[in-house]
PDBML (XML) file of the C-alpha atoms, coordinates in Angstrom:
<?xml version="1.0" encoding="UTF-8" ?>
<PDBx:datablock datablockName="MODEL"
   xmlns:PDBx="http://pdbml.pdb.org/schema/pdbx-v50.xsd"
   xmlns:xsi="http://www.w3.org/2001/XMLSchema-instance"
   xsi:schemaLocation="http://pdbml.pdb.org/schema/pdbx-v50.xsd pdbx-v50.xsd">
   <PDBx:atom_siteCategory>
      <PDBx:atom_site id="1">
         <PDBx:B_iso_or_equiv>0.00</PDBx:B_iso_or_equiv>
         <PDBx:Cartn_x>-42.786</PDBx:Cartn_x>
         <PDBx:Cartn_y>46.602</PDBx:Cartn_y>
         <PDBx:Cartn_z>12.770</PDBx:Cartn_z>
         <PDBx:auth_asym_id>A</PDBx:auth_asym_id>
         <PDBx:auth_atom_id>CA</PDBx:auth_atom_id>
         <PDBx:auth_comp_id>UNK</PDBx:auth_comp_id>
         <PDBx:auth_seq_id>1</PDBx:auth_seq_id>
         <PDBx:group_PDB>ATOM</PDBx:group_PDB>
         <PDBx:label_alt_id xsi:nil="true" />
         <PDBx:label_asym_id>A</PDBx:label_asym_id>
         <PDBx:label_atom_id>CA</PDBx:label_atom_id>
         <PDBx:label_comp_id>UNK</PDBx:label_comp_id>
         <PDBx:label_entity_id>1</PDBx:label_entity_id>
         <PDBx:label_seq_id>1</PDBx:label_seq_id>
         <PDBx:occupancy>1.00</PDBx:occupancy>
         <PDBx:pdbx_PDB_model_num>1</PDBx:pdbx_PDB_model_num>
         <PDBx:type_symbol>C</PDBx:type_symbol>
      </PDBx:atom_site>
      <PDBx:atom_site id="2">
         <PDBx:B_iso_or_equiv>0.00</PDBx:B_iso_or_equiv>
         <PDBx:Cartn_x>-43.495</PDBx:Cartn_x>
         <PDBx:Cartn_y>45.029</PDBx:Cartn_y>
         <PDBx:Cartn_z>9.115</PDBx:Cartn_z>
         <PDBx:auth_asym_id>A</PDBx:auth_asym_id>
         <PDBx:auth_atom_id>CA</PDBx:auth_atom_id>
         <PDBx:auth_comp_id>UNK</PDBx:auth_comp_id>
         <PDBx:auth_seq_id>2</PDBx:auth_seq_id>
         <PDBx:group_PDB>ATOM</PDBx:group_PDB>
         <PDBx:label_alt_id xsi:nil="true" />
         <PDBx:label_asym_id>A</PDBx:label_asym_id>
         <PDBx:label_atom_id>CA</PDBx:label_atom_id>
         <PDBx:label_comp_id>UNK</PDBx:label_comp_id>
         <PDBx:label_entity_id>1</PDBx:label_entity_id>
         <PDBx:label_seq_id>2</PDBx:label_seq_id>
         <PDBx:occupancy>1.00</PDBx:occupancy>
         <PDBx:pdbx_PDB_model_num>1</PDBx:pdbx_PDB_model_num>
         <PDBx:type_symbol>C</PDBx:type_symbol>
      </PDBx:atom_site>
      <PDBx:atom_site id="3">
         <PDBx:B_iso_or_equiv>0.00</PDBx:B_iso_or_equiv>
         <PDBx:Cartn_x>-41.141</PDBx:Cartn_x>
         <PDBx:Cartn_y>43.635</PDBx:Cartn_y>
         <PDBx:Cartn_z>6.755</PDBx:Cartn_z>
         <PDBx:auth_asym_id>A</PDBx:auth_asym_id>
         <PDBx:auth_atom_id>CA</PDBx:auth_atom_id>
         <PDBx:auth_comp_id>UNK</PDBx:auth_comp_id>
         <PDBx:auth_seq_id>3</PDBx:auth_seq_id>
         <PDBx:group_PDB>ATOM</PDBx:group_PDB>
         <PDBx:label_alt_id xsi:nil="true" />
         <PDBx:label_asym_id>A</PDBx:label_asym_id>
         <PDBx:label_atom_id>CA</PDBx:label_atom_id>
         <PDBx:label_comp_id>UNK</PDBx:label_comp_id>
         <PDBx:label_entity_id>1</PDBx:label_entity_id>
         <PDBx:label_seq_id>3</PDBx:label_seq_id>
         <PDBx:occupancy>1.00</PDBx:occupancy>
         <PDBx:pdbx_PDB_model_num>1</PDBx:pdbx_PDB_model_num>
         <PDBx:type_symbol>C</PDBx:type_symbol>
      </PDBx:atom_site>
      <PDBx:atom_site id="4">
         <PDBx:B_iso_or_equiv>0.00</PDBx:B_iso_or_equiv>
         <PDBx:Cartn_x>-41.512</PDBx:Cartn_x>
         <PDBx:Cartn_y>42.005</PDBx:Cartn_y>
         <PDBx:Cartn_z>3.183</PDBx:Cartn_z>
         <PDBx:auth_asym_id>A</PDBx:auth_asym_id>
         <PDBx:auth_atom_id>CA</PDBx:auth_atom_id>
         <PDBx:auth_comp_id>UNK</PDBx:auth_comp_id>
         <PDBx:auth_seq_id>4</PDBx:auth_seq_id>
         <PDBx:group_PDB>ATOM</PDBx:group_PDB>
         <PDBx:label_alt_id xsi:nil="true" />
         <PDBx:label_asym_id>A</PDBx:label_asym_id>
         <PDBx:label_atom_id>CA</PDBx:label_atom_id>
         <PDBx:label_comp_id>UNK</PDBx:label_comp_id>
         <PDBx:label_entity_id>1</PDBx:label_entity_id>
         <PDBx:label_seq_id>4</PDBx:label_seq_id>
         <PDBx:occupancy>1.00</PDBx:occupancy>
         <PDBx:pdbx_PDB_model_num>1</PDBx:pdbx_PDB_model_num>
         <PDBx:type_symbol>C</PDBx:type_symbol>
      </PDBx:atom_site>
      <PDBx:atom_site id="5">
         <PDBx:B_iso_or_equiv>0.00</PDBx:B_iso_or_equiv>
         <PDBx:Cartn_x>-39.607</PDBx:Cartn_x>
         <PDBx:Cartn_y>39.706</PDBx:Cartn_y>
         <PDBx:Cartn_z>0.967</PDBx:Cartn_z>
         <PDBx:auth_asym_id>A</PDBx:auth_asym_id>
         <PDBx:auth_atom_id>CA</PDBx:auth_atom_id>
         <PDBx:auth_comp_id>UNK</PDBx:auth_comp_id>
         <PDBx:auth_seq_id>5</PDBx:auth_seq_id>
         <PDBx:group_PDB>ATOM</PDBx:group_PDB>
         <PDBx:label_alt_id xsi:nil="true" />
         <PDBx:label_asym_id>A</PDBx:label_asym_id>
         <PDBx:label_atom_id>CA</PDBx:label_atom_id>
         <PDBx:label_comp_id>UNK</PDBx:label_comp_id>
         <PDBx:label_entity_id>1</PDBx:label_entity_id>
         <PDBx:label_seq_id>5</PDBx:label_seq_id>
         <PDBx:occupancy>1.00</PDBx:occupancy>
         <PDBx:pdbx_PDB_model_num>1</PDBx:pdbx_PDB_model_num>
         <PDBx:type_symbol>C</PDBx:type_symbol>
      </PDBx:atom_site>
      <PDBx:atom_site id="6">
         <PDBx:B_iso_or_equiv>0.00</PDBx:B_iso_or_equiv>
         <PDBx:Cartn_x>-37.678</PDBx:Cartn_x>
         <PDBx:Cartn_y>36.509</PDBx:Cartn_y>
         <PDBx:Cartn_z>1.818</PDBx:Cartn_z>
         <PDBx:auth_asym_id>A</PDBx:auth_asym_id>
         <PDBx:auth_atom_id>CA</PDBx:auth_atom_id>
         <PDBx:auth_comp_id>UNK</PDBx:auth_comp_id>
         <PDBx:auth_seq_id>6</PDBx:auth_seq_id>
         <PDBx:group_PDB>ATOM</PDBx:group_PDB>
         <PDBx:label_alt_id xsi:nil="true" />
         <PDBx:label_asym_id>A</PDBx:label_asym_id>
         <PDBx:label_atom_id>CA</PDBx:label_atom_id>
         <PDBx:label_comp_id>UNK</PDBx:label_comp_id>
         <PDBx:label_entity_id>1</PDBx:label_entity_id>
         <PDBx:label_seq_id>6</PDBx:label_seq_id>
         <PDBx:occupancy>1.00</PDBx:occupancy>
         <PDBx:pdbx_PDB_model_num>1</PDBx:pdbx_PDB_model_num>
         <PDBx:type_symbol>C</PDBx:type_symbol>
      </PDBx:atom_site>
      <PDBx:atom_site id="7">
         <PDBx:B_iso_or_equiv>0.00</PDBx:B_iso_or_equiv>
         <PDBx:Cartn_x>-35.554</PDBx:Cartn_x>
         <PDBx:Cartn_y>37.871</PDBx:Cartn_y>
         <PDBx:Cartn_z>4.265</PDBx:Cartn_z>
         <PDBx:auth_asym_id>A</PDBx:auth_asym_id>
         <PDBx:auth_atom_id>CA</PDBx:auth_atom_id>
         <PDBx:auth_comp_id>UNK</PDBx:auth_comp_id>
         <PDBx:auth_seq_id>7</PDBx:auth_seq_id>
         <PDBx:group_PDB>ATOM</PDBx:group_PDB>
         <PDBx:label_alt_id xsi:nil="true" />
         <PDBx:label_asym_id>A</PDBx:label_asym_id>
         <PDBx:label_atom_id>CA</PDBx:label_atom_id>
         <PDBx:label_comp_id>UNK</PDBx:label_comp_id>
         <PDBx:label_entity_id>1</PDBx:label_entity_id>
         <PDBx:label_seq_id>7</PDBx:label_seq_id>
         <PDBx:occupancy>1.00</PDBx:occupancy>
         <PDBx:pdbx_PDB_model_num>1</PDBx:pdbx_PDB_model_num>
         <PDBx:type_symbol>C</PDBx:type_symbol>
      </PDBx:atom_site>
      <PDBx:atom_site id="8">
         <PDBx:B_iso_or_equiv>0.00</PDBx:B_iso_or_equiv>
         <PDBx:Cartn_x>-38.658</PDBx:Cartn_x>
         <PDBx:Cartn_y>39.438</PDBx:Cartn_y>
         <PDBx:Cartn_z>6.259</PDBx:Cartn_z>
         <PDBx:auth_asym_id>A</PDBx:auth_asym_id>
         <PDBx:auth_atom_id>CA</PDBx:auth_atom_id>
         <PDBx:auth_comp_id>UNK</PDBx:auth_comp_id>
         <PDBx:auth_seq_id>8</PDBx:auth_seq_id>
         <PDBx:group_PDB>ATOM</PDBx:group_PDB>
         <PDBx:label_alt_id xsi:nil="true" />
         <PDBx:label_asym_id>A</PDBx:label_asym_id>
         <PDBx:label_atom_id>CA</PDBx:label_atom_id>
         <PDBx:label_comp_id>UNK</PDBx:label_comp_id>
         <PDBx:label_entity_id>1</PDBx:label_entity_id>
         <PDBx:label_seq_id>8</PDBx:label_seq_id>
         <PDBx:occupancy>1.00</PDBx:occupancy>
         <PDBx:pdbx_PDB_model_num>1</PDBx:pdbx_PDB_model_num>
         <PDBx:type_symbol>C</PDBx:type_symbol>
      </PDBx:atom_site>
      <PDBx:atom_site id="9">
         <PDBx:B_iso_or_equiv>0.00</PDBx:B_iso_or_equiv>
         <PDBx:Cartn_x>-38.694</PDBx:Cartn_x>
         <PDBx:Cartn_y>36.876</PDBx:Cartn_y>
         <PDBx:Cartn_z>9.192</PDBx:Cartn_z>
         <PDBx:auth_asym_id>A</PDBx:auth_asym_id>
         <PDBx:auth_atom_id>CA</PDBx:auth_atom_id>
         <PDBx:auth_comp_id>UNK</PDBx:auth_comp_id>
         <PDBx:auth_seq_id>9</PDBx:auth_seq_id>
         <PDBx:group_PDB>ATOM</PDBx:group_PDB>
         <PDBx:label_alt_id xsi:nil="true" />
         <PDBx:label_asym_id>A</PDBx:label_asym_id>
         <PDBx:label_atom_id>CA</PDBx:label_atom_id>
         <PDBx:label_comp_id>UNK</PDBx:label_comp_id>
         <PDBx:label_entity_id>1</PDBx:label_entity_id>
         <PDBx:label_seq_id>9</PDBx:label_seq_id>
         <PDBx:occupancy>1.00</PDBx:occupancy>
         <PDBx:pdbx_PDB_model_num>1</PDBx:pdbx_PDB_model_num>
         <PDBx:type_symbol>C</PDBx:type_symbol>
      </PDBx:atom_site>
      <PDBx:atom_site id="10">
         <PDBx:B_iso_or_equiv>0.00</PDBx:B_iso_or_equiv>
         <PDBx:Cartn_x>-35.046</PDBx:Cartn_x>
         <PDBx:Cartn_y>37.790</PDBx:Cartn_y>
         <PDBx:Cartn_z>9.490</PDBx:Cartn_z>
         <PDBx:auth_asym_id>A</PDBx:auth_asym_id>
         <PDBx:auth_atom_id>CA</PDBx:auth_atom_id>
         <PDBx:auth_comp_id>UNK</PDBx:auth_comp_id>
         <PDBx:auth_seq_id>10</PDBx:auth_seq_id>
         <PDBx:group_PDB>ATOM</PDBx:group_PDB>
         <PDBx:label_alt_id xsi:nil="true" />
         <PDBx:label_asym_id>A</PDBx:label_asym_id>
         <PDBx:label_atom_id>CA</PDBx:label_atom_id>
         <PDBx:label_comp_id>UNK</PDBx:label_comp_id>
         <PDBx:label_entity_id>1</PDBx:label_entity_id>
         <PDBx:label_seq_id>10</PDBx:label_seq_id>
         <PDBx:occupancy>1.00</PDBx:occupancy>
         <PDBx:pdbx_PDB_model_num>1</PDBx:pdbx_PDB_model_num>
         <PDBx:type_symbol>C</PDBx:type_symbol>
      </PDBx:atom_site>
      <PDBx:atom_site id="11">
         <PDBx:B_iso_or_equiv>0.00</PDBx:B_iso_or_equiv>
         <PDBx:Cartn_x>-35.496</PDBx:Cartn_x>
         <PDBx:Cartn_y>41.603</PDBx:Cartn_y>
         <PDBx:Cartn_z>9.393</PDBx:Cartn_z>
         <PDBx:auth_asym_id>A</PDBx:auth_asym_id>
         <PDBx:auth_atom_id>CA</PDBx:auth_atom_id>
         <PDBx:auth_comp_id>UNK</PDBx:auth_comp_id>
         <PDBx:auth_seq_id>11</PDBx:auth_seq_id>
         <PDBx:group_PDB>ATOM</PDBx:group_PDB>
         <PDBx:label_alt_id xsi:nil="true" />
         <PDBx:label_asym_id>A</PDBx:label_asym_id>
         <PDBx:label_atom_id>CA</PDBx:label_atom_id>
         <PDBx:label_comp_id>UNK</PDBx:label_comp_id>
         <PDBx:label_entity_id>1</PDBx:label_entity_id>
         <PDBx:label_seq_id>11</PDBx:label_seq_id>
         <PDBx:occupancy>1.00</PDBx:occupancy>
         <PDBx:pdbx_PDB_model_num>1</PDBx:pdbx_PDB_model_num>
         <PDBx:type_symbol>C</PDBx:type_symbol>
      </PDBx:atom_site>
      <PDBx:atom_site id="12">
         <PDBx:B_iso_or_equiv>0.00</PDBx:B_iso_or_equiv>
         <PDBx:Cartn_x>-38.106</PDBx:Cartn_x>
         <PDBx:Cartn_y>41.159</PDBx:Cartn_y>
         <PDBx:Cartn_z>12.207</PDBx:Cartn_z>
         <PDBx:auth_asym_id>A</PDBx:auth_asym_id>
         <PDBx:auth_atom_id>CA</PDBx:auth_atom_id>
         <PDBx:auth_comp_id>UNK</PDBx:auth_comp_id>
         <PDBx:auth_seq_id>12</PDBx:auth_seq_id>
         <PDBx:group_PDB>ATOM</PDBx:group_PDB>
         <PDBx:label_alt_id xsi:nil="true" />
         <PDBx:label_asym_id>A</PDBx:label_asym_id>
         <PDBx:label_atom_id>CA</PDBx:label_atom_id>
         <PDBx:label_comp_id>UNK</PDBx:label_comp_id>
         <PDBx:label_entity_id>1</PDBx:label_entity_id>
         <PDBx:label_seq_id>12</PDBx:label_seq_id>
         <PDBx:occupancy>1.00</PDBx:occupancy>
         <PDBx:pdbx_PDB_model_num>1</PDBx:pdbx_PDB_model_num>
         <PDBx:type_symbol>C</PDBx:type_symbol>
      </PDBx:atom_site>
      <PDBx:atom_site id="13">
         <PDBx:B_iso_or_equiv>0.00</PDBx:B_iso_or_equiv>
         <PDBx:Cartn_x>-35.810</PDBx:Cartn_x>
         <PDBx:Cartn_y>39.153</PDBx:Cartn_y>
         <PDBx:Cartn_z>14.464</PDBx:Cartn_z>
         <PDBx:auth_asym_id>A</PDBx:auth_asym_id>
         <PDBx:auth_atom_id>CA</PDBx:auth_atom_id>
         <PDBx:auth_comp_id>UNK</PDBx:auth_comp_id>
         <PDBx:auth_seq_id>13</PDBx:auth_seq_id>
         <PDBx:group_PDB>ATOM</PDBx:group_PDB>
         <PDBx:label_alt_id xsi:nil="true" />
         <PDBx:label_asym_id>A</PDBx:label_asym_id>
         <PDBx:label_atom_id>CA</PDBx:label_atom_id>
         <PDBx:label_comp_id>UNK</PDBx:label_comp_id>
         <PDBx:label_entity_id>1</PDBx:label_entity_id>
         <PDBx:label_seq_id>13</PDBx:label_seq_id>
         <PDBx:occupancy>1.00</PDBx:occupancy>
         <PDBx:pdbx_PDB_model_num>1</PDBx:pdbx_PDB_model_num>
         <PDBx:type_symbol>C</PDBx:type_symbol>
      </PDBx:atom_site>
      <PDBx:atom_site id="14">
         <PDBx:B_iso_or_equiv>0.00</PDBx:B_iso_or_equiv>
         <PDBx:Cartn_x>-33.227</PDBx:Cartn_x>
         <PDBx:Cartn_y>41.847</PDBx:Cartn_y>
         <PDBx:Cartn_z>14.064</PDBx:Cartn_z>
         <PDBx:auth_asym_id>A</PDBx:auth_asym_id>
         <PDBx:auth_atom_id>CA</PDBx:auth_atom_id>
         <PDBx:auth_comp_id>UNK</PDBx:auth_comp_id>
         <PDBx:auth_seq_id>14</PDBx:auth_seq_id>
         <PDBx:group_PDB>ATOM</PDBx:group_PDB>
         <PDBx:label_alt_id xsi:nil="true" />
         <PDBx:label_asym_id>A</PDBx:label_asym_id>
         <PDBx:label_atom_id>CA</PDBx:label_atom_id>
         <PDBx:label_comp_id>UNK</PDBx:label_comp_id>
         <PDBx:label_entity_id>1</PDBx:label_entity_id>
         <PDBx:label_seq_id>14</PDBx:label_seq_id>
         <PDBx:occupancy>1.00</PDBx:occupancy>
         <PDBx:pdbx_PDB_model_num>1</PDBx:pdbx_PDB_model_num>
         <PDBx:type_symbol>C</PDBx:type_symbol>
      </PDBx:atom_site>
      <PDBx:atom_site id="15">
         <PDBx:B_iso_or_equiv>0.00</PDBx:B_iso_or_equiv>
         <PDBx:Cartn_x>-36.063</PDBx:Cartn_x>
         <PDBx:Cartn_y>44.564</PDBx:Cartn_y>
         <PDBx:Cartn_z>14.930</PDBx:Cartn_z>
         <PDBx:auth_asym_id>A</PDBx:auth_asym_id>
         <PDBx:auth_atom_id>CA</PDBx:auth_atom_id>
         <PDBx:auth_comp_id>UNK</PDBx:auth_comp_id>
         <PDBx:auth_seq_id>15</PDBx:auth_seq_id>
         <PDBx:group_PDB>ATOM</PDBx:group_PDB>
         <PDBx:label_alt_id xsi:nil="true" />
         <PDBx:label_asym_id>A</PDBx:label_asym_id>
         <PDBx:label_atom_id>CA</PDBx:label_atom_id>
         <PDBx:label_comp_id>UNK</PDBx:label_comp_id>
         <PDBx:label_entity_id>1</PDBx:label_entity_id>
         <PDBx:label_seq_id>15</PDBx:label_seq_id>
         <PDBx:occupancy>1.00</PDBx:occupancy>
         <PDBx:pdbx_PDB_model_num>1</PDBx:pdbx_PDB_model_num>
         <PDBx:type_symbol>C</PDBx:type_symbol>
      </PDBx:atom_site>
      <PDBx:atom_site id="16">
         <PDBx:B_iso_or_equiv>0.00</PDBx:B_iso_or_equiv>
         <PDBx:Cartn_x>-37.090</PDBx:Cartn_x>
         <PDBx:Cartn_y>42.860</PDBx:Cartn_y>
         <PDBx:Cartn_z>18.063</PDBx:Cartn_z>
         <PDBx:auth_asym_id>A</PDBx:auth_asym_id>
         <PDBx:auth_atom_id>CA</PDBx:auth_atom_id>
         <PDBx:auth_comp_id>UNK</PDBx:auth_comp_id>
         <PDBx:auth_seq_id>16</PDBx:auth_seq_id>
         <PDBx:group_PDB>ATOM</PDBx:group_PDB>
         <PDBx:label_alt_id xsi:nil="true" />
         <PDBx:label_asym_id>A</PDBx:label_asym_id>
         <PDBx:label_atom_id>CA</PDBx:label_atom_id>
         <PDBx:label_comp_id>UNK</PDBx:label_comp_id>
         <PDBx:label_entity_id>1</PDBx:label_entity_id>
         <PDBx:label_seq_id>16</PDBx:label_seq_id>
         <PDBx:occupancy>1.00</PDBx:occupancy>
         <PDBx:pdbx_PDB_model_num>1</PDBx:pdbx_PDB_model_num>
         <PDBx:type_symbol>C</PDBx:type_symbol>
      </PDBx:atom_site>
      <PDBx:atom_site id="17">
         <PDBx:B_iso_or_equiv>0.00</PDBx:B_iso_or_equiv>
         <PDBx:Cartn_x>-33.618</PDBx:Cartn_x>
         <PDBx:Cartn_y>42.276</PDBx:Cartn_y>
         <PDBx:Cartn_z>19.092</PDBx:Cartn_z>
         <PDBx:auth_asym_id>A</PDBx:auth_asym_id>
         <PDBx:auth_atom_id>CA</PDBx:auth_atom_id>
         <PDBx:auth_comp_id>UNK</PDBx:auth_comp_id>
         <PDBx:auth_seq_id>17</PDBx:auth_seq_id>
         <PDBx:group_PDB>ATOM</PDBx:group_PDB>
         <PDBx:label_alt_id xsi:nil="true" />
         <PDBx:label_asym_id>A</PDBx:label_asym_id>
         <PDBx:label_atom_id>CA</PDBx:label_atom_id>
         <PDBx:label_comp_id>UNK</PDBx:label_comp_id>
         <PDBx:label_entity_id>1</PDBx:label_entity_id>
         <PDBx:label_seq_id>17</PDBx:label_seq_id>
         <PDBx:occupancy>1.00</PDBx:occupancy>
         <PDBx:pdbx_PDB_model_num>1</PDBx:pdbx_PDB_model_num>
         <PDBx:type_symbol>C</PDBx:type_symbol>
      </PDBx:atom_site>
      <PDBx:atom_site id="18">
         <PDBx:B_iso_or_equiv>0.00</PDBx:B_iso_or_equiv>
         <PDBx:Cartn_x>-33.144</PDBx:Cartn_x>
         <PDBx:Cartn_y>46.171</PDBx:Cartn_y>
         <PDBx:Cartn_z>19.133</PDBx:Cartn_z>
         <PDBx:auth_asym_id>A</PDBx:auth_asym_id>
         <PDBx:auth_atom_id>CA</PDBx:auth_atom_id>
         <PDBx:auth_comp_id>UNK</PDBx:auth_comp_id>
         <PDBx:auth_seq_id>18</PDBx:auth_seq_id>
         <PDBx:group_PDB>ATOM</PDBx:group_PDB>
         <PDBx:label_alt_id xsi:nil="true" />
         <PDBx:label_asym_id>A</PDBx:label_asym_id>
         <PDBx:label_atom_id>CA</PDBx:label_atom_id>
         <PDBx:label_comp_id>UNK</PDBx:label_comp_id>
         <PDBx:label_entity_id>1</PDBx:label_entity_id>
         <PDBx:label_seq_id>18</PDBx:label_seq_id>
         <PDBx:occupancy>1.00</PDBx:occupancy>
         <PDBx:pdbx_PDB_model_num>1</PDBx:pdbx_PDB_model_num>
         <PDBx:type_symbol>C</PDBx:type_symbol>
      </PDBx:atom_site>
      <PDBx:atom_site id="19">
         <PDBx:B_iso_or_equiv>0.00</PDBx:B_iso_or_equiv>
         <PDBx:Cartn_x>-36.626</PDBx:Cartn_x>
         <PDBx:Cartn_y>46.876</PDBx:Cartn_y>
         <PDBx:Cartn_z>20.529</PDBx:Cartn_z>
         <PDBx:auth_asym_id>A</PDBx:auth_asym_id>
         <PDBx:auth_atom_id>CA</PDBx:auth_atom_id>
         <PDBx:auth_comp_id>UNK</PDBx:auth_comp_id>
         <PDBx:auth_seq_id>19</PDBx:auth_seq_id>
         <PDBx:group_PDB>ATOM</PDBx:group_PDB>
         <PDBx:label_alt_id xsi:nil="true" />
         <PDBx:label_asym_id>A</PDBx:label_asym_id>
         <PDBx:label_atom_id>CA</PDBx:label_atom_id>
         <PDBx:label_comp_id>UNK</PDBx:label_comp_id>
         <PDBx:label_entity_id>1</PDBx:label_entity_id>
         <PDBx:label_seq_id>19</PDBx:label_seq_id>
         <PDBx:occupancy>1.00</PDBx:occupancy>
         <PDBx:pdbx_PDB_model_num>1</PDBx:pdbx_PDB_model_num>
         <PDBx:type_symbol>C</PDBx:type_symbol>
      </PDBx:atom_site>
      <PDBx:atom_site id="20">
         <PDBx:B_iso_or_equiv>0.00</PDBx:B_iso_or_equiv>
         <PDBx:Cartn_x>-39.402</PDBx:Cartn_x>
         <PDBx:Cartn_y>45.226</PDBx:Cartn_y>
         <PDBx:Cartn_z>22.063</PDBx:Cartn_z>
         <PDBx:auth_asym_id>A</PDBx:auth_asym_id>
         <PDBx:auth_atom_id>CA</PDBx:auth_atom_id>
         <PDBx:auth_comp_id>UNK</PDBx:auth_comp_id>
         <PDBx:auth_seq_id>20</PDBx:auth_seq_id>
         <PDBx:group_PDB>ATOM</PDBx:group_PDB>
         <PDBx:label_alt_id xsi:nil="true" />
         <PDBx:label_asym_id>A</PDBx:label_asym_id>
         <PDBx:label_atom_id>CA</PDBx:label_atom_id>
         <PDBx:label_comp_id>UNK</PDBx:label_comp_id>
         <PDBx:label_entity_id>1</PDBx:label_entity_id>
         <PDBx:label_seq_id>20</PDBx:label_seq_id>
         <PDBx:occupancy>1.00</PDBx:occupancy>
         <PDBx:pdbx_PDB_model_num>1</PDBx:pdbx_PDB_model_num>
         <PDBx:type_symbol>C</PDBx:type_symbol>
      </PDBx:atom_site>
      <PDBx:atom_site id="21">
         <PDBx:B_iso_or_equiv>0.00</PDBx:B_iso_or_equiv>
         <PDBx:Cartn_x>-42.307</PDBx:Cartn_x>
         <PDBx:Cartn_y>45.845</PDBx:Cartn_y>
         <PDBx:Cartn_z>19.514</PDBx:Cartn_z>
         <PDBx:auth_asym_id>A</PDBx:auth_asym_id>
         <PDBx:auth_atom_id>CA</PDBx:auth_atom_id>
         <PDBx:auth_comp_id>UNK</PDBx:auth_comp_id>
         <PDBx:auth_seq_id>21</PDBx:auth_seq_id>
         <PDBx:group_PDB>ATOM</PDBx:group_PDB>
         <PDBx:label_alt_id xsi:nil="true" />
         <PDBx:label_asym_id>A</PDBx:label_asym_id>
         <PDBx:label_atom_id>CA</PDBx:label_atom_id>
         <PDBx:label_comp_id>UNK</PDBx:label_comp_id>
         <PDBx:label_entity_id>1</PDBx:label_entity_id>
         <PDBx:label_seq_id>21</PDBx:label_seq_id>
         <PDBx:occupancy>1.00</PDBx:occupancy>
         <PDBx:pdbx_PDB_model_num>1</PDBx:pdbx_PDB_model_num>
         <PDBx:type_symbol>C</PDBx:type_symbol>
      </PDBx:atom_site>
      <PDBx:atom_site id="22">
         <PDBx:B_iso_or_equiv>0.00</PDBx:B_iso_or_equiv>
         <PDBx:Cartn_x>-45.692</PDBx:Cartn_x>
         <PDBx:Cartn_y>44.665</PDBx:Cartn_y>
         <PDBx:Cartn_z>20.177</PDBx:Cartn_z>
         <PDBx:auth_asym_id>A</PDBx:auth_asym_id>
         <PDBx:auth_atom_id>CA</PDBx:auth_atom_id>
         <PDBx:auth_comp_id>UNK</PDBx:auth_comp_id>
         <PDBx:auth_seq_id>22</PDBx:auth_seq_id>
         <PDBx:group_PDB>ATOM</PDBx:group_PDB>
         <PDBx:label_alt_id xsi:nil="true" />
         <PDBx:label_asym_id>A</PDBx:label_asym_id>
         <PDBx:label_atom_id>CA</PDBx:label_atom_id>
         <PDBx:label_comp_id>UNK</PDBx:label_comp_id>
         <PDBx:label_entity_id>1</PDBx:label_entity_id>
         <PDBx:label_seq_id>22</PDBx:label_seq_id>
         <PDBx:occupancy>1.00</PDBx:occupancy>
         <PDBx:pdbx_PDB_model_num>1</PDBx:pdbx_PDB_model_num>
         <PDBx:type_symbol>C</PDBx:type_symbol>
      </PDBx:atom_site>
      <PDBx:atom_site id="23">
         <PDBx:B_iso_or_equiv>0.00</PDBx:B_iso_or_equiv>
         <PDBx:Cartn_x>-46.509</PDBx:Cartn_x>
         <PDBx:Cartn_y>43.083</PDBx:Cartn_y>
         <PDBx:Cartn_z>16.846</PDBx:Cartn_z>
         <PDBx:auth_asym_id>A</PDBx:auth_asym_id>
         <PDBx:auth_atom_id>CA</PDBx:auth_atom_id>
         <PDBx:auth_comp_id>UNK</PDBx:auth_comp_id>
         <PDBx:auth_seq_id>23</PDBx:auth_seq_id>
         <PDBx:group_PDB>ATOM</PDBx:group_PDB>
         <PDBx:label_alt_id xsi:nil="true" />
         <PDBx:label_asym_id>A</PDBx:label_asym_id>
         <PDBx:label_atom_id>CA</PDBx:label_atom_id>
         <PDBx:label_comp_id>UNK</PDBx:label_comp_id>
         <PDBx:label_entity_id>1</PDBx:label_entity_id>
         <PDBx:label_seq_id>23</PDBx:label_seq_id>
         <PDBx:occupancy>1.00</PDBx:occupancy>
         <PDBx:pdbx_PDB_model_num>1</PDBx:pdbx_PDB_model_num>
         <PDBx:type_symbol>C</PDBx:type_symbol>
      </PDBx:atom_site>
      <PDBx:atom_site id="24">
         <PDBx:B_iso_or_equiv>0.00</PDBx:B_iso_or_equiv>
         <PDBx:Cartn_x>-44.779</PDBx:Cartn_x>
         <PDBx:Cartn_y>41.915</PDBx:Cartn_y>
         <PDBx:Cartn_z>13.682</PDBx:Cartn_z>
         <PDBx:auth_asym_id>A</PDBx:auth_asym_id>
         <PDBx:auth_atom_id>CA</PDBx:auth_atom_id>
         <PDBx:auth_comp_id>UNK</PDBx:auth_comp_id>
         <PDBx:auth_seq_id>24</PDBx:auth_seq_id>
         <PDBx:group_PDB>ATOM</PDBx:group_PDB>
         <PDBx:label_alt_id xsi:nil="true" />
         <PDBx:label_asym_id>A</PDBx:label_asym_id>
         <PDBx:label_atom_id>CA</PDBx:label_atom_id>
         <PDBx:label_comp_id>UNK</PDBx:label_comp_id>
         <PDBx:label_entity_id>1</PDBx:label_entity_id>
         <PDBx:label_seq_id>24</PDBx:label_seq_id>
         <PDBx:occupancy>1.00</PDBx:occupancy>
         <PDBx:pdbx_PDB_model_num>1</PDBx:pdbx_PDB_model_num>
         <PDBx:type_symbol>C</PDBx:type_symbol>
      </PDBx:atom_site>
   </PDBx:atom_siteCategory>
</PDBx:datablock>
């Protein structure tokens, strides 16, 4: 999963809470 912008780390944390992705 990827994200951009100043909120990117938070969105990725949110994504990892939902599903155990292999990479960010």
